[in-house]
N, C-alpha and C. Protein backbone atom coordinates (compact mmCIF):
# COMPACT_ATOMS: atom_id res chain seq x y z
N MET A 1 164.11 -73.04 65.46
CA MET A 1 163.89 -73.93 65.62
C MET A 1 162.77 -73.42 64.25
N GLU A 2 162.59 -74.53 62.98
CA GLU A 2 161.75 -74.27 62.36
C GLU A 2 160.56 -74.93 62.00
N GLN A 3 159.26 -74.15 62.17
CA GLN A 3 158.29 -75.03 62.11
C GLN A 3 157.34 -75.09 60.50
N ASP A 4 156.76 -76.28 60.64
CA ASP A 4 155.85 -76.05 59.36
C ASP A 4 155.00 -74.97 59.08
N ILE A 5 154.93 -74.34 58.20
CA ILE A 5 153.87 -73.27 58.34
C ILE A 5 153.17 -73.77 56.68
N LEU A 6 151.69 -73.67 56.82
CA LEU A 6 150.41 -74.07 55.78
C LEU A 6 150.10 -73.22 55.24
N ASN A 7 149.35 -72.72 54.08
CA ASN A 7 148.87 -71.51 53.64
C ASN A 7 147.39 -72.48 53.83
N PHE A 8 146.52 -71.56 53.35
CA PHE A 8 145.00 -71.80 53.59
C PHE A 8 144.96 -73.29 52.93
N GLU A 9 144.92 -73.40 51.60
CA GLU A 9 144.82 -74.29 51.20
C GLU A 9 144.82 -75.68 51.62
N GLU A 10 146.06 -75.81 51.63
CA GLU A 10 147.23 -77.03 52.74
C GLU A 10 146.35 -77.21 54.04
N ALA A 11 146.39 -75.78 54.92
CA ALA A 11 145.46 -75.89 56.33
C ALA A 11 143.95 -77.05 56.21
N THR A 12 143.79 -76.11 54.49
CA THR A 12 142.16 -76.72 55.13
C THR A 12 142.40 -78.48 54.33
N ALA A 13 143.06 -78.76 53.87
CA ALA A 13 143.25 -80.30 53.32
C ALA A 13 143.71 -81.21 54.57
N PHE A 14 144.54 -80.55 55.76
CA PHE A 14 145.31 -80.64 56.31
C PHE A 14 143.95 -81.33 57.68
N LEU A 15 142.90 -80.35 58.07
CA LEU A 15 141.83 -80.49 58.64
C LEU A 15 141.22 -81.41 58.10
N LYS A 16 141.09 -81.18 56.90
CA LYS A 16 139.82 -82.45 56.05
C LYS A 16 138.27 -81.56 56.33
N THR A 17 138.67 -80.52 55.70
CA THR A 17 137.41 -79.54 56.32
C THR A 17 136.99 -78.76 54.91
N SER A 18 136.00 -78.71 54.91
CA SER A 18 135.85 -77.20 53.50
C SER A 18 136.12 -76.16 54.23
N LYS A 19 136.55 -75.29 52.72
CA LYS A 19 136.59 -73.88 52.82
C LYS A 19 135.45 -72.72 54.08
N PRO A 20 134.16 -72.84 53.73
CA PRO A 20 133.47 -72.08 54.56
C PRO A 20 133.60 -72.28 56.07
N THR A 21 133.70 -73.57 56.22
CA THR A 21 133.57 -74.72 57.67
C THR A 21 134.91 -73.72 57.94
N PHE A 22 136.47 -73.89 57.38
CA PHE A 22 137.71 -73.17 58.00
C PHE A 22 137.72 -72.04 58.55
N TYR A 23 137.07 -70.80 57.28
CA TYR A 23 136.85 -69.50 57.15
C TYR A 23 136.29 -69.48 58.96
N ARG A 24 134.45 -70.05 59.25
CA ARG A 24 134.02 -69.98 60.32
C ARG A 24 134.84 -70.52 61.35
N TRP A 25 135.40 -71.53 61.76
CA TRP A 25 136.81 -71.61 62.41
C TRP A 25 137.67 -70.75 62.80
N LEU A 26 137.84 -69.91 61.68
CA LEU A 26 139.09 -68.99 61.76
C LEU A 26 138.70 -67.26 62.42
N HIS A 27 137.33 -67.20 61.83
CA HIS A 27 136.56 -65.98 62.53
C HIS A 27 136.33 -65.94 63.98
N GLU A 28 135.69 -67.46 64.13
CA GLU A 28 135.35 -67.56 65.66
C GLU A 28 136.34 -67.76 66.90
N GLY A 29 137.91 -67.63 66.29
CA GLY A 29 139.07 -67.66 67.03
C GLY A 29 139.35 -69.49 67.51
N LYS A 30 138.75 -70.33 66.80
CA LYS A 30 138.67 -71.87 66.85
C LYS A 30 139.96 -72.04 66.66
N VAL A 31 140.73 -71.41 65.12
CA VAL A 31 141.90 -71.76 64.60
C VAL A 31 142.97 -70.26 64.58
N LYS A 32 144.00 -70.58 65.03
CA LYS A 32 145.14 -69.78 64.85
C LYS A 32 145.60 -69.39 63.64
N GLY A 33 145.96 -68.25 63.32
CA GLY A 33 146.39 -68.16 61.79
C GLY A 33 147.03 -66.74 61.74
N PHE A 34 147.75 -65.93 61.33
CA PHE A 34 148.23 -64.95 60.49
C PHE A 34 148.43 -64.93 59.26
N LYS A 35 148.44 -63.32 59.04
CA LYS A 35 148.41 -62.56 57.10
C LYS A 35 149.55 -62.45 57.01
N VAL A 36 150.43 -63.13 55.86
CA VAL A 36 151.34 -62.18 55.36
C VAL A 36 150.98 -61.73 53.88
N GLY A 37 151.09 -60.09 53.57
CA GLY A 37 150.50 -59.88 52.99
C GLY A 37 148.53 -59.87 52.88
N ARG A 38 147.95 -60.43 51.98
CA ARG A 38 146.49 -60.78 51.77
C ARG A 38 146.04 -62.31 51.86
N GLU A 39 147.31 -63.32 52.12
CA GLU A 39 147.01 -64.87 52.42
C GLU A 39 147.51 -65.04 54.23
N TRP A 40 146.53 -66.16 54.00
CA TRP A 40 146.55 -66.85 55.81
C TRP A 40 147.70 -67.54 55.60
N ARG A 41 148.42 -68.03 56.57
CA ARG A 41 149.47 -68.79 57.20
C ARG A 41 148.61 -69.34 58.27
N PHE A 42 149.36 -70.41 58.74
CA PHE A 42 149.28 -71.42 60.16
C PHE A 42 150.25 -72.09 60.18
N TYR A 43 150.57 -72.22 61.34
CA TYR A 43 151.53 -73.42 61.97
C TYR A 43 151.19 -74.61 62.17
N LYS A 44 151.49 -75.52 61.31
CA LYS A 44 151.00 -76.81 61.66
C LYS A 44 150.70 -77.47 63.27
N SER A 45 151.47 -77.04 63.77
CA SER A 45 151.39 -76.75 65.18
C SER A 45 150.15 -76.66 65.75
N ASP A 46 149.65 -75.35 65.59
CA ASP A 46 148.76 -74.99 65.75
C ASP A 46 147.40 -75.89 65.46
N LEU A 47 147.24 -76.07 64.19
CA LEU A 47 146.56 -76.72 63.88
C LEU A 47 146.58 -78.48 64.24
N ILE A 48 147.42 -79.10 64.16
CA ILE A 48 147.58 -79.98 65.51
C ILE A 48 147.10 -79.56 66.87
N THR A 49 147.13 -78.52 67.63
CA THR A 49 146.55 -78.22 68.75
C THR A 49 145.09 -78.23 69.22
N PHE A 50 144.12 -77.15 67.36
CA PHE A 50 142.81 -77.56 67.43
C PHE A 50 142.20 -79.35 67.39
N ILE A 51 142.90 -79.71 66.86
CA ILE A 51 142.44 -81.25 66.53
C ILE A 51 142.46 -81.89 67.59
N GLU A 52 143.36 -81.99 68.39
CA GLU A 52 143.25 -82.69 69.56
C GLU A 52 142.37 -81.75 70.49
N SER A 53 141.85 -80.86 70.72
CA SER A 53 141.55 -79.83 71.30
C SER A 53 139.59 -80.61 70.87
N THR A 54 139.31 -80.61 69.94
CA THR A 54 138.15 -80.75 69.38
C THR A 54 137.97 -82.41 69.48
N ASP A 55 139.14 -82.88 69.69
CA ASP A 55 138.47 -84.50 69.91
C ASP A 55 138.42 -84.56 71.19
N LYS A 56 138.99 -83.65 72.38
CA LYS A 56 138.60 -83.66 73.87
C LYS A 56 137.11 -83.72 74.29
N GLU A 57 137.22 -82.55 73.57
CA GLU A 57 135.32 -81.76 73.69
C GLU A 57 134.43 -82.87 72.83
N LYS A 58 135.04 -83.46 71.92
CA LYS A 58 134.25 -84.92 71.64
C LYS A 58 133.81 -85.69 72.53
N GLN A 59 134.98 -86.16 73.04
CA GLN A 59 134.76 -87.37 73.98
C GLN A 59 133.90 -86.87 75.70
N GLU A 60 134.09 -85.74 75.98
CA GLU A 60 133.82 -85.25 77.03
C GLU A 60 131.83 -85.08 76.89
N LEU A 61 131.69 -84.50 75.65
CA LEU A 61 130.33 -84.51 75.18
C LEU A 61 129.79 -86.36 75.01
N ILE A 62 130.31 -87.07 74.15
CA ILE A 62 130.03 -88.38 74.37
C ILE A 62 129.79 -89.05 75.94
N LYS A 63 130.57 -88.54 76.10
CA LYS A 63 130.69 -88.90 78.03
C LYS A 63 129.55 -88.40 78.79
N ASP A 64 128.79 -87.07 78.64
CA ASP A 64 127.59 -86.82 79.16
C ASP A 64 126.49 -87.34 78.43
N LEU A 65 127.00 -87.52 77.18
CA LEU A 65 125.41 -88.19 76.63
C LEU A 65 125.29 -89.42 77.48
N LYS A 66 126.23 -90.04 77.58
CA LYS A 66 125.88 -91.45 78.22
C LYS A 66 125.79 -91.58 79.44
N THR A 67 125.71 -90.23 80.11
CA THR A 67 125.28 -90.26 81.51
C THR A 67 123.75 -89.78 81.68
N VAL A 68 123.72 -89.05 80.66
CA VAL A 68 122.08 -88.60 80.54
C VAL A 68 121.41 -89.56 80.17
N ASN A 69 121.73 -90.72 79.34
CA ASN A 69 120.94 -91.80 78.48
C ASN A 69 120.72 -92.58 79.93
N GLU A 70 121.87 -92.71 80.81
CA GLU A 70 121.56 -93.87 81.69
C GLU A 70 120.51 -93.29 83.12
N HIS A 71 120.58 -92.34 83.01
CA HIS A 71 119.99 -91.52 83.72
C HIS A 71 118.12 -91.60 83.20
N PHE A 72 118.19 -91.74 81.91
CA PHE A 72 116.82 -91.54 81.49
C PHE A 72 116.09 -93.42 81.35
N LYS A 73 116.96 -94.25 80.77
CA LYS A 73 116.86 -95.27 81.16
C LYS A 73 116.43 -96.00 82.60
N LYS A 74 117.18 -95.43 83.41
CA LYS A 74 116.72 -96.09 84.76
C LYS A 74 115.55 -95.44 85.37
N ARG A 75 114.71 -94.22 84.71
CA ARG A 75 113.65 -93.43 85.37
C ARG A 75 112.43 -94.41 84.65
N LEU A 76 112.74 -94.58 83.32
CA LEU A 76 111.90 -95.56 82.43
C LEU A 76 111.80 -97.08 83.36
N MET A 77 112.76 -97.60 83.32
CA MET A 77 112.76 -98.96 83.92
C MET A 77 112.14 -98.70 85.39
N GLU A 78 112.21 -98.05 86.09
CA GLU A 78 111.70 -97.42 87.13
C GLU A 78 109.72 -97.53 87.41
N LYS A 79 109.34 -97.00 86.04
CA LYS A 79 108.12 -96.99 85.85
C LYS A 79 107.52 -98.12 84.67
N GLY A 80 108.26 -99.10 84.79
CA GLY A 80 107.91 -100.34 84.10
C GLY A 80 108.03 -100.01 82.64
N ILE A 81 108.69 -99.59 82.35
CA ILE A 81 108.96 -99.36 80.75
C ILE A 81 110.21 -99.66 80.26
N LYS A 82 110.49 -100.97 79.27
CA LYS A 82 111.50 -101.00 79.06
C LYS A 82 112.21 -100.13 78.00
N PRO A 83 113.50 -99.60 78.44
CA PRO A 83 114.14 -98.75 76.73
C PRO A 83 114.13 -99.25 76.06
N LEU A 84 114.57 -98.41 74.72
CA LEU A 84 115.31 -99.46 73.64
C LEU A 84 116.56 -99.41 73.51
N GLU A 85 117.18 -100.49 73.20
CA GLU A 85 118.20 -99.93 73.15
C GLU A 85 118.55 -100.01 71.52
N LEU A 86 119.69 -99.00 71.36
CA LEU A 86 120.05 -98.16 70.69
C LEU A 86 121.77 -99.04 69.90
């Protein structure tokens, strides 16, 4: 089974990010890659997995923020303060 393999520039474009950000993700171990000689290569399937994991993390963070927001909104209302609607 043949997998799509992208070079550094193609992977950066695929993820729609800057080179410094991509290097940071790579060195933090968030993005999987391997070297062929002096050049990085990336399986497209690994990049898709990275995108899906970051989307899930964002959704979990949004859910957490909504919960915290509701908590403080309730506390403000208990004290007779009308919360701002954003």
